[in-house]
Amino acid sequence: MKAWMAVCVFLLAATGGLAEAFTIFKLPNGGRLELFPVGRWALSSEDVGELKIVLMPDSPKINARAIYSVATEGSDDFPTDAKLQEQMYRVAERILSSGDFVERKPVIKPFYPPKGFGYYAVMTDRKMVGLPPKSGEYKFFMLGMIRLAPSVYLKVQIMADHEEGEPYQQLLGMAEGAVYTPPR
């Protein structure tokens, strides 16, 4: 049995199974954000006053991307579930008022993070309806926010061709699975 365990651990390490189990980002407030990559995504990050993480597909056949921004400074503007839900509704309503999207009223959906709470809205680009997917242009745009801890928010943008498609679901799952560790 121990021999099998050693072989499994070796194979996982050799194929990157253990090496890519999670990615840790240091935050400006001294805390950490852990992401658990699902699928084949290239992650890059930069500090633009808040941590900005861009996820791009490893394959040119996948037409999706995401931007996660982590805000750790400032006031705790949305300390309750209801306040964050109301804020997401107002933001989505403002975006939809442009007329660029199919939806007339926002449909707000919950995130299910391990800690905290969050909401998002998915909008359909009017120009892309009925057209085949085109690289770099996305039919669906998702905008959301997760309150990971007081004054710590993960802002999420996902662009993809299909809301039910695997790339979109992977990016959504990575956002929902993000874990915040406060500074020590």
Foldseek 3Di string as FASTA:
>chain_A
DVVVVVVVVVVCVVVCVVVQQWDWDQWPQRKIKIFGADAAWDWDWDPPVWIKIKTDHPDQVFAKIKIKTKFQDDAQQQPDPVSQQVVQQVVVCVVVVVVQFDDNGWDKDWQQAPAFTKIKTKTAGPVCPPHDDDHPDAGIWMWMWTDQDGRIIITMIMGGHDCPDPVNVSSSVRVRHMHMGHHD
